[in-house]
Amino acid sequence: MTNRQSAPGNNGLRFTLFAALLLGLLLIAGFTLAPASRATRKSSNAPAGGNQKRRKPEFVPGDVLVRYKGEATAKRQNEKSPKPA
Protein backbone atom coordinates (compact mmCIF):
# COMPACT_ATOMS: atom_id res chain seq x y z
CA MET A 1 0.00 0.00 0.00
CA THR A 2 1.31 3.34 -0.92
CA ASN A 3 0.88 6.27 1.38
CA ARG A 4 -0.19 9.14 -0.87
CA GLN A 5 0.24 12.57 0.60
CA SER A 6 -0.75 15.74 -1.15
CA ALA A 7 1.85 18.25 -2.16
CA PRO A 8 2.80 20.69 0.63
CA GLY A 9 1.45 23.69 -1.32
CA ASN A 10 -2.01 22.12 -1.75
CA ASN A 11 -2.93 22.07 1.95
CA GLY A 12 -3.62 25.82 2.09
CA LEU A 13 -5.63 25.74 -1.10
CA ARG A 14 -7.59 22.70 0.03
CA PHE A 15 -8.46 24.37 3.37
CA THR A 16 -9.52 27.60 1.63
CA LEU A 17 -11.80 25.77 -0.78
CA PHE A 18 -13.31 23.69 2.02
CA ALA A 19 -13.94 26.81 4.14
CA ALA A 20 -15.53 28.64 1.19
CA LEU A 21 -17.76 25.64 0.42
CA LEU A 22 -18.79 25.34 4.06
CA LEU A 23 -19.55 29.06 4.30
CA GLY A 24 -21.58 28.93 1.09
CA LEU A 25 -23.62 25.99 2.35
CA LEU A 26 -24.27 27.74 5.64
CA LEU A 27 -25.44 30.90 3.87
CA ILE A 28 -27.74 28.97 1.55
CA ALA A 29 -29.19 27.02 4.48
CA GLY A 30 -29.66 30.23 6.46
CA PHE A 31 -31.59 31.95 3.69
CA THR A 32 -33.77 28.97 2.82
CA LEU A 33 -34.57 27.90 6.38
CA ALA A 34 -35.16 31.38 7.82
CA PRO A 35 -38.77 31.97 8.85
CA ALA A 36 -40.80 34.25 6.60
CA SER A 37 -41.90 37.58 7.97
CA ARG A 38 -45.58 37.97 8.83
CA ALA A 39 -45.40 41.75 9.13
CA THR A 40 -48.20 43.74 7.51
CA ARG A 41 -48.47 47.41 6.67
CA LYS A 42 -51.23 49.55 8.09
CA SER A 43 -53.04 51.75 5.63
CA SER A 44 -51.78 55.32 5.74
CA ASN A 45 -55.23 56.95 5.84
CA ALA A 46 -56.38 55.00 8.89
CA PRO A 47 -55.61 56.67 12.23
CA ALA A 48 -52.58 55.16 13.88
CA GLY A 49 -52.33 54.28 17.55
CA GLY A 50 -52.25 56.94 20.25
CA ASN A 51 -48.47 56.73 20.53
CA GLN A 52 -47.73 58.85 17.48
CA LYS A 53 -47.87 62.63 17.36
CA ARG A 54 -50.57 64.25 15.29
CA ARG A 55 -49.19 66.56 12.66
CA LYS A 56 -50.56 70.06 12.62
CA PRO A 57 -51.88 71.24 9.26
CA GLU A 58 -49.48 73.41 7.29
CA PHE A 59 -52.26 75.25 5.51
CA VAL A 60 -56.00 75.46 5.98
CA PRO A 61 -57.93 77.34 3.28
CA GLY A 62 -59.69 80.41 4.66
CA ASP A 63 -58.03 80.28 8.10
CA VAL A 64 -55.00 82.02 9.54
CA LEU A 65 -52.78 79.70 11.53
CA VAL A 66 -50.78 81.36 14.29
CA ARG A 67 -48.41 79.34 16.45
CA TYR A 68 -46.38 80.52 19.40
CA LYS A 69 -43.61 78.69 21.19
CA GLY A 70 -45.03 79.62 24.54
CA GLU A 71 -47.02 82.22 26.46
CA ALA A 72 -43.90 84.29 27.19
CA THR A 73 -43.06 84.40 23.49
CA ALA A 74 -46.59 85.54 22.66
CA LYS A 75 -46.35 88.39 25.17
CA ARG A 76 -42.99 89.49 23.75
CA GLN A 77 -44.42 89.43 20.23
CA ASN A 78 -47.35 91.60 21.33
CA GLU A 79 -45.01 94.12 23.00
CA LYS A 80 -42.85 94.43 19.86
CA SER A 81 -45.73 94.82 17.42
CA PRO A 82 -46.81 98.40 16.62
CA LYS A 83 -50.07 99.53 18.18
CA PRO A 84 -52.78 100.80 15.83
CA ALA A 85 -53.36 104.53 16.24
PDB file of N, CA and C in Angstrom:
ATOM      1  N   MET A   1       0.832  -1.169   0.000  1.00  0.00           N
ATOM      2  CA  MET A   1       0.000   0.000   0.000  1.00  0.00           C
ATOM      3  C   MET A   1       0.881   1.238   0.000  1.00  0.00           C
ATOM      4  N   THR A   2       0.551   2.098  -0.843  1.00  0.00           N
ATOM      5  CA  THR A   2       1.306   3.340  -0.918  1.00  0.00           C
ATOM      6  C   THR A   2       0.605   4.419  -0.104  1.00  0.00           C
ATOM      7  N   ASN A   3       1.400   5.172   0.578  1.00  0.00           N
ATOM      8  CA  ASN A   3       0.876   6.273   1.381  1.00  0.00           C
ATOM      9  C   ASN A   3       0.951   7.536   0.539  1.00  0.00           C
ATOM     10  N   ARG A   4      -0.174   7.957  -0.005  1.00  0.00           N
ATOM     11  CA  ARG A   4      -0.187   9.141  -0.874  1.00  0.00           C
ATOM     12  C   ARG A   4      -0.472  10.374  -0.038  1.00  0.00           C
ATOM     13  N   GLN A   5       0.430  11.294  -0.081  1.00  0.00           N
ATOM     14  CA  GLN A   5       0.236  12.573   0.599  1.00  0.00           C
ATOM     15  C   GLN A   5       0.163  13.651  -0.466  1.00  0.00           C
ATOM     16  N   SER A   6      -0.647  14.666  -0.181  1.00  0.00           N
ATOM     17  CA  SER A   6      -0.753  15.745  -1.149  1.00  0.00           C
ATOM     18  C   SER A   6       0.491  16.606  -1.084  1.00  0.00           C
ATOM     19  N   ALA A   7       0.694  17.360  -2.108  1.00  0.00           N
ATOM     20  CA  ALA A   7       1.854  18.251  -2.156  1.00  0.00           C
ATOM     21  C   ALA A   7       1.735  19.284  -1.052  1.00  0.00           C
ATOM     22  N   PRO A   8       2.860  19.742  -0.491  1.00  0.00           N
ATOM     23  CA  PRO A   8       2.805  20.691   0.626  1.00  0.00           C
ATOM     24  C   PRO A   8       2.075  21.989   0.285  1.00  0.00           C
ATOM     25  N   GLY A   9       2.105  22.440  -0.932  1.00  0.00           N
ATOM     26  CA  GLY A   9       1.447  23.691  -1.322  1.00  0.00           C
ATOM     27  C   GLY A   9      -0.059  23.551  -1.448  1.00  0.00           C
ATOM     28  N   ASN A  10      -0.589  22.338  -1.560  1.00  0.00           N
ATOM     29  CA  ASN A  10      -2.014  22.120  -1.754  1.00  0.00           C
ATOM     30  C   ASN A  10      -2.812  22.207  -0.463  1.00  0.00           C
ATOM     31  N   ASN A  11      -2.191  22.070   0.691  1.00  0.00           N
ATOM     32  CA  ASN A  11      -2.932  22.069   1.952  1.00  0.00           C
ATOM     33  C   ASN A  11      -3.647  23.399   2.185  1.00  0.00           C
ATOM     34  N   GLY A  12      -2.999  24.509   1.918  1.00  0.00           N
ATOM     35  CA  GLY A  12      -3.620  25.824   2.093  1.00  0.00           C
ATOM     36  C   GLY A  12      -4.773  26.031   1.133  1.00  0.00           C
ATOM     37  N   LEU A  13      -4.584  25.608  -0.093  1.00  0.00           N
ATOM     38  CA  LEU A  13      -5.635  25.743  -1.097  1.00  0.00           C
ATOM     39  C   LEU A  13      -6.823  24.847  -0.759  1.00  0.00           C
ATOM     40  N   ARG A  14      -6.534  23.635  -0.323  1.00  0.00           N
ATOM     41  CA  ARG A  14      -7.594  22.701   0.031  1.00  0.00           C
ATOM     42  C   ARG A  14      -8.415  23.245   1.203  1.00  0.00           C
ATOM     43  N   PHE A  15      -7.742  23.796   2.214  1.00  0.00           N
ATOM     44  CA  PHE A  15      -8.456  24.369   3.370  1.00  0.00           C
ATOM     45  C   PHE A  15      -9.307  25.564   2.946  1.00  0.00           C
ATOM     46  N   THR A  16      -8.774  26.425   2.089  1.00  0.00           N
ATOM     47  CA  THR A  16      -9.518  27.602   1.627  1.00  0.00           C
ATOM     48  C   THR A  16     -10.768  27.189   0.854  1.00  0.00           C
ATOM     49  N   LEU A  17     -10.640  26.227  -0.022  1.00  0.00           N
ATOM     50  CA  LEU A  17     -11.800  25.766  -0.784  1.00  0.00           C
ATOM     51  C   LEU A  17     -12.840  25.113   0.122  1.00  0.00           C
ATOM     52  N   PHE A  18     -12.379  24.323   1.092  1.00  0.00           N
ATOM     53  CA  PHE A  18     -13.307  23.686   2.020  1.00  0.00           C
ATOM     54  C   PHE A  18     -14.039  24.736   2.856  1.00  0.00           C
ATOM     55  N   ALA A  19     -13.314  25.759   3.340  1.00  0.00           N
ATOM     56  CA  ALA A  19     -13.937  26.814   4.142  1.00  0.00           C
ATOM     57  C   ALA A  19     -14.940  27.602   3.304  1.00  0.00           C
ATOM     58  N   ALA A  20     -14.617  27.897   2.061  1.00  0.00           N
ATOM     59  CA  ALA A  20     -15.535  28.635   1.187  1.00  0.00           C
ATOM     60  C   ALA A  20     -16.790  27.811   0.905  1.00  0.00           C
ATOM     61  N   LEU A  21     -16.614  26.515   0.671  1.00  0.00           N
ATOM     62  CA  LEU A  21     -17.755  25.642   0.425  1.00  0.00           C
ATOM     63  C   LEU A  21     -18.644  25.563   1.662  1.00  0.00           C
ATOM     64  N   LEU A  22     -18.025  25.407   2.820  1.00  0.00           N
ATOM     65  CA  LEU A  22     -18.795  25.335   4.059  1.00  0.00           C
ATOM     66  C   LEU A  22     -19.551  26.640   4.328  1.00  0.00           C
ATOM     67  N   LEU A  23     -18.887  27.766   4.118  1.00  0.00           N
ATOM     68  CA  LEU A  23     -19.549  29.058   4.304  1.00  0.00           C
ATOM     69  C   LEU A  23     -20.708  29.228   3.323  1.00  0.00           C
ATOM     70  N   GLY A  24     -20.506  28.835   2.078  1.00  0.00           N
ATOM     71  CA  GLY A  24     -21.579  28.930   1.089  1.00  0.00           C
ATOM     72  C   GLY A  24     -22.778  28.077   1.469  1.00  0.00           C
ATOM     73  N   LEU A  25     -22.518  26.857   1.935  1.00  0.00           N
ATOM     74  CA  LEU A  25     -23.624  25.995   2.351  1.00  0.00           C
ATOM     75  C   LEU A  25     -24.365  26.566   3.553  1.00  0.00           C
ATOM     76  N   LEU A  26     -23.621  27.133   4.483  1.00  0.00           N
ATOM     77  CA  LEU A  26     -24.273  27.743   5.644  1.00  0.00           C
ATOM     78  C   LEU A  26     -25.136  28.944   5.242  1.00  0.00           C
ATOM     79  N   LEU A  27     -24.642  29.752   4.323  1.00  0.00           N
ATOM     80  CA  LEU A  27     -25.435  30.905   3.867  1.00  0.00           C
ATOM     81  C   LEU A  27     -26.697  30.449   3.141  1.00  0.00           C
ATOM     82  N   ILE A  28     -26.569  29.475   2.283  1.00  0.00           N
ATOM     83  CA  ILE A  28     -27.739  28.972   1.553  1.00  0.00           C
ATOM     84  C   ILE A  28     -28.754  28.387   2.531  1.00  0.00           C
ATOM     85  N   ALA A  29     -28.276  27.606   3.498  1.00  0.00           N
ATOM     86  CA  ALA A  29     -29.188  27.017   4.485  1.00  0.00           C
ATOM     87  C   ALA A  29     -29.849  28.108   5.321  1.00  0.00           C
ATOM     88  N   GLY A  30     -29.097  29.139   5.669  1.00  0.00           N
ATOM     89  CA  GLY A  30     -29.662  30.234   6.462  1.00  0.00           C
ATOM     90  C   GLY A  30     -30.771  30.965   5.735  1.00  0.00           C
ATOM     91  N   PHE A  31     -30.576  31.224   4.445  1.00  0.00           N
ATOM     92  CA  PHE A  31     -31.595  31.946   3.687  1.00  0.00           C
ATOM     93  C   PHE A  31     -32.822  31.088   3.412  1.00  0.00           C
ATOM     94  N   THR A  32     -32.626  29.809   3.163  1.00  0.00           N
ATOM     95  CA  THR A  32     -33.770  28.972   2.819  1.00  0.00           C
ATOM     96  C   THR A  32     -34.556  28.529   4.045  1.00  0.00           C
ATOM     97  N   LEU A  33     -33.884  28.383   5.182  1.00  0.00           N
ATOM     98  CA  LEU A  33     -34.566  27.897   6.377  1.00  0.00           C
ATOM     99  C   LEU A  33     -35.044  29.011   7.299  1.00  0.00           C
ATOM    100  N   ALA A  34     -34.733  30.252   6.982  1.00  0.00           N
ATOM    101  CA  ALA A  34     -35.159  31.376   7.821  1.00  0.00           C
ATOM    102  C   ALA A  34     -36.678  31.517   7.743  1.00  0.00           C
ATOM    103  N   PRO A  35     -37.315  31.818   8.875  1.00  0.00           N
ATOM    104  CA  PRO A  35     -38.775  31.968   8.849  1.00  0.00           C
ATOM    105  C   PRO A  35     -39.183  33.219   8.066  1.00  0.00           C
ATOM    106  N   ALA A  36     -40.291  33.115   7.373  1.00  0.00           N
ATOM    107  CA  ALA A  36     -40.800  34.246   6.595  1.00  0.00           C
ATOM    108  C   ALA A  36     -41.427  35.268   7.536  1.00  0.00           C
ATOM    109  N   SER A  37     -41.331  36.515   7.162  1.00  0.00           N
ATOM    110  CA  SER A  37     -41.905  37.584   7.970  1.00  0.00           C
ATOM    111  C   SER A  37     -43.415  37.612   7.799  1.00  0.00           C
ATOM    112  N   ARG A  38     -44.122  37.857   8.888  1.00  0.00           N
ATOM    113  CA  ARG A  38     -45.584  37.971   8.825  1.00  0.00           C
ATOM    114  C   ARG A  38     -46.026  39.411   9.050  1.00  0.00           C
ATOM    115  N   ALA A  39     -45.089  40.355   8.896  1.00  0.00           N
ATOM    116  CA  ALA A  39     -45.405  41.753   9.128  1.00  0.00           C
ATOM    117  C   ALA A  39     -46.349  42.264   8.048  1.00  0.00           C
ATOM    118  N   THR A  40     -47.280  43.125   8.465  1.00  0.00           N
ATOM    119  CA  THR A  40     -48.203  43.738   7.510  1.00  0.00           C
ATOM    120  C   THR A  40     -48.142  45.243   7.679  1.00  0.00           C
ATOM    121  N   ARG A  41     -48.461  45.951   6.621  1.00  0.00           N
ATOM    122  CA  ARG A  41     -48.471  47.413   6.671  1.00  0.00           C
ATOM    123  C   ARG A  41     -49.873  47.890   6.998  1.00  0.00           C
ATOM    124  N   LYS A  42     -49.937  48.916   7.829  1.00  0.00           N
ATOM    125  CA  LYS A  42     -51.230  49.549   8.092  1.00  0.00           C
ATOM    126  C   LYS A  42     -51.483  50.567   7.000  1.00  0.00           C
ATOM    127  N   SER A  43     -52.749  50.768   6.663  1.00  0.00           N
ATOM    128  CA  SER A  43     -53.043  51.751   5.627  1.00  0.00           C
ATOM    129  C   SER A  43     -52.733  53.139   6.168  1.00  0.00           C
ATOM    130  N   SER A  44     -52.240  54.009   5.308  1.00  0.00           N
ATOM    131  CA  SER A  44     -51.782  55.324   5.745  1.00  0.00           C
ATOM    132  C   SER A  44     -52.939  56.267   6.094  1.00  0.00           C
ATOM    133  N   ASN A  45     -54.131  56.043   5.548  1.00  0.00           N
ATOM    134  CA  ASN A  45     -55.229  56.954   5.842  1.00  0.00           C
ATOM    135  C   ASN A  45     -55.979  56.571   7.117  1.00  0.00           C
ATOM    136  N   ALA A  46     -55.735  55.391   7.648  1.00  0.00           N
ATOM    137  CA  ALA A  46     -56.382  54.995   8.895  1.00  0.00           C
ATOM    138  C   ALA A  46     -55.624  55.624  10.068  1.00  0.00           C
ATOM    139  N   PRO A  47     -56.317  56.060  11.103  1.00  0.00           N
ATOM    140  CA  PRO A  47     -55.611  56.671  12.229  1.00  0.00           C
ATOM    141  C   PRO A  47     -54.740  55.645  12.926  1.00  0.00           C
ATOM    142  N   ALA A  48     -53.526  56.059  13.213  1.00  0.00           N
ATOM    143  CA  ALA A  48     -52.584  55.165  13.882  1.00  0.00           C
ATOM    144  C   ALA A  48     -52.890  55.151  15.376  1.00  0.00           C
ATOM    145  N   GLY A  49     -52.130  54.376  16.104  1.00  0.00           N
ATOM    146  CA  GLY A  49     -52.326  54.277  17.550  1.00  0.00           C
ATOM    147  C   GLY A  49     -52.073  55.609  18.238  1.00  0.00           C
ATOM    148  N   GLY A  50     -52.393  55.701  19.514  1.00  0.00           N
ATOM    149  CA  GLY A  50     -52.250  56.943  20.252  1.00  0.00           C
ATOM    150  C   GLY A  50     -50.808  57.298  20.566  1.00  0.00           C
ATOM    151  N   ASN A  51     -49.856  56.462  20.202  1.00  0.00           N
ATOM    152  CA  ASN A  51     -48.469  56.727  20.534  1.00  0.00           C
ATOM    153  C   ASN A  51     -47.825  57.751  19.619  1.00  0.00           C
ATOM    154  N   GLN A  52     -48.360  57.947  18.434  1.00  0.00           N
ATOM    155  CA  GLN A  52     -47.733  58.847  17.477  1.00  0.00           C
ATOM    156  C   GLN A  52     -48.298  60.251  17.623  1.00  0.00           C
ATOM    157  N   LYS A  53     -47.436  61.234  17.321  1.00  0.00           N
ATOM    158  CA  LYS A  53     -47.872  62.633  17.363  1.00  0.00           C
ATOM    159  C   LYS A  53     -48.768  62.928  16.164  1.00  0.00           C
ATOM    160  N   ARG A  54     -49.748  63.767  16.401  1.00  0.00           N
ATOM    161  CA  ARG A  54     -50.568  64.246  15.291  1.00  0.00           C
ATOM    162  C   ARG A  54     -49.855  65.420  14.658  1.00  0.00           C
ATOM    163  N   ARG A  55     -49.823  65.439  13.356  1.00  0.00           N
ATOM    164  CA  ARG A  55     -49.189  66.557  12.663  1.00  0.00           C
ATOM    165  C   ARG A  55     -50.183  67.690  12.520  1.00  0.00           C
ATOM    166  N   LYS A  56     -49.708  68.883  12.790  1.00  0.00           N
ATOM    167  CA  LYS A  56     -50.558  70.061  12.624  1.00  0.00           C
ATOM    168  C   LYS A  56     -50.627  70.405  11.147  1.00  0.00           C
ATOM    169  N   PRO A  57     -51.768  70.909  10.685  1.00  0.00           N
ATOM    170  CA  PRO A  57     -51.878  71.237   9.258  1.00  0.00           C
ATOM    171  C   PRO A  57     -50.975  72.420   8.912  1.00  0.00           C
ATOM    172  N   GLU A  58     -50.333  72.321   7.763  1.00  0.00           N
ATOM    173  CA  GLU A  58     -49.476  73.409   7.295  1.00  0.00           C
ATOM    174  C   GLU A  58     -50.310  74.559   6.739  1.00  0.00           C
ATOM    175  N   PHE A  59     -51.440  74.229   6.143  1.00  0.00           N
ATOM    176  CA  PHE A  59     -52.261  75.251   5.513  1.00  0.00           C
ATOM    177  C   PHE A  59     -53.712  74.809   5.575  1.00  0.00           C
ATOM    178  N   VAL A  60     -54.563  75.716   5.972  1.00  0.00           N
ATOM    179  CA  VAL A  60     -56.001  75.457   5.981  1.00  0.00           C
ATOM    180  C   VAL A  60     -56.651  76.582   5.188  1.00  0.00           C
ATOM    181  N   PRO A  61     -57.345  76.282   4.099  1.00  0.00           N
ATOM    182  CA  PRO A  61     -57.934  77.340   3.280  1.00  0.00           C
ATOM    183  C   PRO A  61     -58.929  78.176   4.082  1.00  0.00           C
ATOM    184  N   GLY A  62     -58.768  79.491   4.017  1.00  0.00           N
ATOM    185  CA  GLY A  62     -59.691  80.409   4.663  1.00  0.00           C
ATOM    186  C   GLY A  62     -59.380  80.682   6.119  1.00  0.00           C
ATOM    187  N   ASP A  63     -58.384  80.058   6.699  1.00  0.00           N
ATOM    188  CA  ASP A  63     -58.028  80.280   8.096  1.00  0.00           C
ATOM    189  C   ASP A  63     -56.595  80.792   8.192  1.00  0.00           C
ATOM    190  N   VAL A  64     -56.350  81.551   9.238  1.00  0.00           N
ATOM    191  CA  VAL A  64     -55.004  82.025   9.536  1.00  0.00           C
ATOM    192  C   VAL A  64     -54.492  81.181  10.693  1.00  0.00           C
ATOM    193  N   LEU A  65     -53.362  80.537  10.486  1.00  0.00           N
ATOM    194  CA  LEU A  65     -52.778  79.704  11.528  1.00  0.00           C
ATOM    195  C   LEU A  65     -51.660  80.478  12.216  1.00  0.00           C
ATOM    196  N   VAL A  66     -51.789  80.656  13.511  1.00  0.00           N
ATOM    197  CA  VAL A  66     -50.776  81.363  14.291  1.00  0.00           C
ATOM    198  C   VAL A  66     -50.295  80.398  15.365  1.00  0.00           C
ATOM    199  N   ARG A  67     -48.978  80.238  15.443  1.00  0.00           N
ATOM    200  CA  ARG A  67     -48.411  79.339  16.446  1.00  0.00           C
ATOM    201  C   ARG A  67     -47.347  80.078  17.226  1.00  0.00           C
ATOM    202  N   TYR A  68     -47.376  79.933  18.528  1.00  0.00           N
ATOM    203  CA  TYR A  68     -46.380  80.523  19.403  1.00  0.00           C
ATOM    204  C   TYR A  68     -45.627  79.407  20.100  1.00  0.00           C
ATOM    205  N   LYS A  69     -44.386  79.693  20.475  1.00  0.00           N
ATOM    206  CA  LYS A  69     -43.611  78.686  21.188  1.00  0.00           C
ATOM    207  C   LYS A  69     -44.053  78.589  22.638  1.00  0.00           C
ATOM    208  N   GLY A  70     -44.584  79.645  23.167  1.00  0.00           N
ATOM    209  CA  GLY A  70     -45.029  79.617  24.544  1.00  0.00           C
ATOM    210  C   GLY A  70     -45.731  80.919  24.873  1.00  0.00           C
ATOM    211  N   GLU A  71     -46.296  81.015  26.062  1.00  0.00           N
ATOM    212  CA  GLU A  71     -47.023  82.218  26.457  1.00  0.00           C
ATOM    213  C   GLU A  71     -46.075  83.419  26.568  1.00  0.00           C
ATOM    214  N   ALA A  72     -44.873  83.198  27.064  1.00  0.00           N
ATOM    215  CA  ALA A  72     -43.904  84.294  27.190  1.00  0.00           C
ATOM    216  C   ALA A  72     -43.523  84.834  25.818  1.00  0.00           C
ATOM    217  N   THR A  73     -43.377  83.962  24.851  1.00  0.00           N
ATOM    218  CA  THR A  73     -43.057  84.395  23.490  1.00  0.00           C
ATOM    219  C   THR A  73     -44.207  85.203  22.909  1.00  0.00           C
ATOM    220  N   ALA A  74     -45.434  84.804  23.168  1.00  0.00           N
ATOM    221  CA  ALA A  74     -46.593  85.537  22.660  1.00  0.00           C
ATOM    222  C   ALA A  74     -46.639  86.936  23.252  1.00  0.00           C
ATOM    223  N   LYS A  75     -46.340  87.069  24.543  1.00  0.00           N
ATOM    224  CA  LYS A  75     -46.345  88.395  25.167  1.00  0.00           C
ATOM    225  C   LYS A  75     -45.256  89.284  24.583  1.00  0.00           C
ATOM    226  N   ARG A  76     -44.073  88.695  24.352  1.00  0.00           N
ATOM    227  CA  ARG A  76     -42.993  89.492  23.750  1.00  0.00           C
ATOM    228  C   ARG A  76     -43.363  89.931  22.349  1.00  0.00           C
ATOM    229  N   GLN A  77     -44.015  89.066  21.583  1.00  0.00           N
ATOM    230  CA  GLN A  77     -44.423  89.427  20.231  1.00  0.00           C
ATOM    231  C   GLN A  77     -45.435  90.569  20.260  1.00  0.00           C
ATOM    232  N   ASN A  78     -46.359  90.552  21.225  1.00  0.00           N
ATOM    233  CA  ASN A  78     -47.349  91.602  21.333  1.00  0.00           C
ATOM    234  C   ASN A  78     -46.698  92.937  21.735  1.00  0.00           C
ATOM    235  N   GLU A  79     -45.693  92.886  22.578  1.00  0.00           N
ATOM    236  CA  GLU A  79     -45.015  94.125  22.996  1.00  0.00           C
ATOM    237  C   GLU A  79     -44.241  94.738  21.845  1.00  0.00           C
ATOM    238  N   LYS A  80     -43.661  93.929  20.963  1.00  0.00           N
ATOM    239  CA  LYS A  80     -42.847  94.430  19.863  1.00  0.00           C
ATOM    240  C   LYS A  80     -43.709  94.944  18.725  1.00  0.00           C
ATOM    241  N   SER A  81     -44.909  94.425  18.550  1.00  0.00           N
ATOM    242  CA  SER A  81     -45.727  94.819  17.415  1.00  0.00           C
ATOM    243  C   SER A  81     -46.248  96.253  17.597  1.00  0.00           C
ATOM    244  N   PRO A  82     -46.324  97.023  16.509  1.00  0.00           N
ATOM    245  CA  PRO A  82     -46.808  98.405  16.616  1.00  0.00           C
ATOM    246  C   PRO A  82     -48.298  98.426  16.957  1.00  0.00           C
ATOM    247  N   LYS A  83     -48.674  99.358  17.791  1.00  0.00           N
ATOM    248  CA  LYS A  83     -50.071  99.533  18.182  1.00  0.00           C
ATOM    249  C   LYS A  83     -50.789 100.357  17.139  1.00  0.00           C
ATOM    250  N   PRO A  84     -52.018  99.984  16.782  1.00  0.00           N
ATOM    251  CA  PRO A  84     -52.782 100.802  15.830  1.00  0.00           C
ATOM    252  C   PRO A  84     -53.163 102.145  16.467  1.00  0.00           C
ATOM    253  N   ALA A  85     -53.054 103.205  15.694  1.00  0.00           N
ATOM    254  CA  ALA A  85     -53.361 104.533  16.236  1.00  0.00           C
ATOM    255  C   ALA A  85     -54.739 104.993  15.927  1.00  0.00           C
TER     256      ALA A  85
END
